[in-house]
Amino acid sequence: MLARCAGKASGSIFWFWTLRNAQPWMAQRAVVRAGVAWPLS
């Protein structure tokens, strides 16, 4: 249970750092894709 929570947290941190360090156009593209996917989910 704890390992699962830790894995999820580290995964979020990984994505946070990936997006933060990504090129601006990559981040914008990800945001656009998320915005497009949001109403469909």
C-alpha atoms as a PDB file:
ATOM      1  CA  MET A   1       0.000   0.000   0.000  1.00  0.00           C
ATOM      2  CA  LEU A   2       2.715   2.466   0.998  1.00  0.00           C
ATOM      3  CA  ALA A   3       4.890   1.453  -1.942  1.00  0.00           C
ATOM      4  CA  ARG A   4       1.951   2.045  -4.268  1.00  0.00           C
ATOM      5  CA  CYS A   5       1.388   5.534  -2.845  1.00  0.00           C
ATOM      6  CA  ALA A   6       5.103   6.317  -3.073  1.00  0.00           C
ATOM      7  CA  GLY A   7       5.189   5.090  -6.663  1.00  0.00           C
ATOM      8  CA  LYS A   8       2.233   7.277  -7.580  1.00  0.00           C
ATOM      9  CA  ALA A   9       3.806  10.308  -5.890  1.00  0.00           C
ATOM     10  CA  SER A  10       7.172   9.800  -7.569  1.00  0.00           C
ATOM     11  CA  GLY A  11       5.364   9.383 -10.880  1.00  0.00           C
ATOM     12  CA  SER A  12       3.617  12.727 -10.383  1.00  0.00           C
ATOM     13  CA  ILE A  13       6.926  14.378  -9.486  1.00  0.00           C
ATOM     14  CA  PHE A  14       8.518  12.833 -12.572  1.00  0.00           C
ATOM     15  CA  TRP A  15       5.782  14.240 -14.824  1.00  0.00           C
ATOM     16  CA  PHE A  16       5.946  17.611 -13.039  1.00  0.00           C
ATOM     17  CA  TRP A  17       9.685  17.872 -13.680  1.00  0.00           C
ATOM     18  CA  THR A  18       9.317  16.570 -17.236  1.00  0.00           C
ATOM     19  CA  LEU A  19       6.718  19.212 -18.065  1.00  0.00           C
ATOM     20  CA  ARG A  20       8.621  21.920 -16.212  1.00  0.00           C
ATOM     21  CA  ASN A  21      11.839  21.148 -18.092  1.00  0.00           C
ATOM     22  CA  ALA A  22      10.117  20.556 -21.430  1.00  0.00           C
ATOM     23  CA  GLN A  23      10.318  23.034 -24.281  1.00  0.00           C
ATOM     24  CA  PRO A  24       7.458  25.588 -24.111  1.00  0.00           C
ATOM     25  CA  TRP A  25       5.871  24.306 -27.325  1.00  0.00           C
ATOM     26  CA  MET A  26       5.858  20.768 -25.906  1.00  0.00           C
ATOM     27  CA  ALA A  27       4.163  21.957 -22.732  1.00  0.00           C
ATOM     28  CA  GLN A  28       1.641  23.982 -24.729  1.00  0.00           C
ATOM     29  CA  ARG A  29       0.935  21.002 -26.947  1.00  0.00           C
ATOM     30  CA  ALA A  30       0.384  18.804 -23.890  1.00  0.00           C
ATOM     31  CA  VAL A  31      -2.009  21.374 -22.413  1.00  0.00           C
ATOM     32  CA  VAL A  32      -3.925  21.586 -25.697  1.00  0.00           C
ATOM     33  CA  ARG A  33      -4.168  17.799 -25.887  1.00  0.00           C
ATOM     34  CA  ALA A  34      -5.346  17.647 -22.274  1.00  0.00           C
ATOM     35  CA  GLY A  35      -7.930  20.346 -23.013  1.00  0.00           C
ATOM     36  CA  VAL A  36      -9.181  18.374 -26.017  1.00  0.00           C
ATOM     37  CA  ALA A  37      -9.289  15.099 -24.075  1.00  0.00           C
ATOM     38  CA  TRP A  38     -10.990  16.598 -20.987  1.00  0.00           C
ATOM     39  CA  PRO A  39     -14.558  16.898 -22.441  1.00  0.00           C
ATOM     40  CA  LEU A  40     -14.287  13.402 -23.922  1.00  0.00           C
ATOM     41  CA  SER A  41     -13.346  11.706 -20.651  1.00  0.00           C
END
